[in-house]
Amino acid sequence: MADGISDEKSRRKAMLIRAGIYIFATHLFAGFVILLFSLGGRR
């Protein structure tokens, strides 16, 4: 029983870490696209 709870906690922690990485990468990509648009819009 304790093994199942421990497994569930580690699975949840891995999911949260993965979600954090995805959110960080998405924001990084969005910032890069905004930077490209702002540099391209300047004359």
Protein backbone atom coordinates (compact mmCIF):
# COMPACT_ATOMS: atom_id res chain seq x y z
CA MET A 1 0.00 0.00 0.00
CA ALA A 2 2.74 2.46 0.93
CA ASP A 3 4.50 1.56 -2.32
CA GLY A 4 1.49 2.69 -4.36
CA ILE A 5 1.28 6.00 -2.50
CA SER A 6 5.00 6.61 -2.97
CA ASP A 7 4.72 5.77 -6.67
CA GLU A 8 1.77 8.15 -7.06
CA LYS A 9 3.68 10.98 -5.34
CA SER A 10 6.74 10.51 -7.55
CA ARG A 11 4.54 10.37 -10.65
CA ARG A 12 2.79 13.59 -9.59
CA LYS A 13 6.12 15.30 -8.92
CA ALA A 14 7.43 14.24 -12.35
CA MET A 15 4.26 15.58 -13.99
CA LEU A 16 4.62 18.95 -12.21
CA ILE A 17 8.28 19.23 -13.22
CA ARG A 18 7.38 18.40 -16.84
CA ALA A 19 4.55 20.95 -16.81
CA GLY A 20 6.91 23.60 -15.43
CA ILE A 21 9.45 22.89 -18.14
CA TYR A 22 6.77 23.09 -20.84
CA ILE A 23 5.44 26.38 -19.48
CA PHE A 24 8.96 27.84 -19.26
CA ALA A 25 9.80 26.73 -22.82
CA THR A 26 6.53 28.13 -24.18
CA HIS A 27 7.18 31.50 -22.56
CA LEU A 28 10.74 31.50 -23.86
CA PHE A 29 9.50 30.79 -27.40
CA ALA A 30 6.78 33.45 -27.13
CA GLY A 31 9.35 35.99 -25.92
CA PHE A 32 11.60 35.13 -28.86
CA VAL A 33 8.73 35.61 -31.33
CA ILE A 34 7.82 38.97 -29.73
CA LEU A 35 11.49 39.99 -29.95
CA LEU A 36 11.56 39.10 -33.65
CA PHE A 37 8.40 41.12 -34.31
CA SER A 38 9.69 44.13 -32.38
CA LEU A 39 13.04 44.06 -34.17
CA GLY A 40 11.33 43.56 -37.54
CA GLY A 41 8.90 46.41 -36.90
CA ARG A 42 11.67 48.95 -36.31
CA ARG A 43 12.95 50.90 -39.29
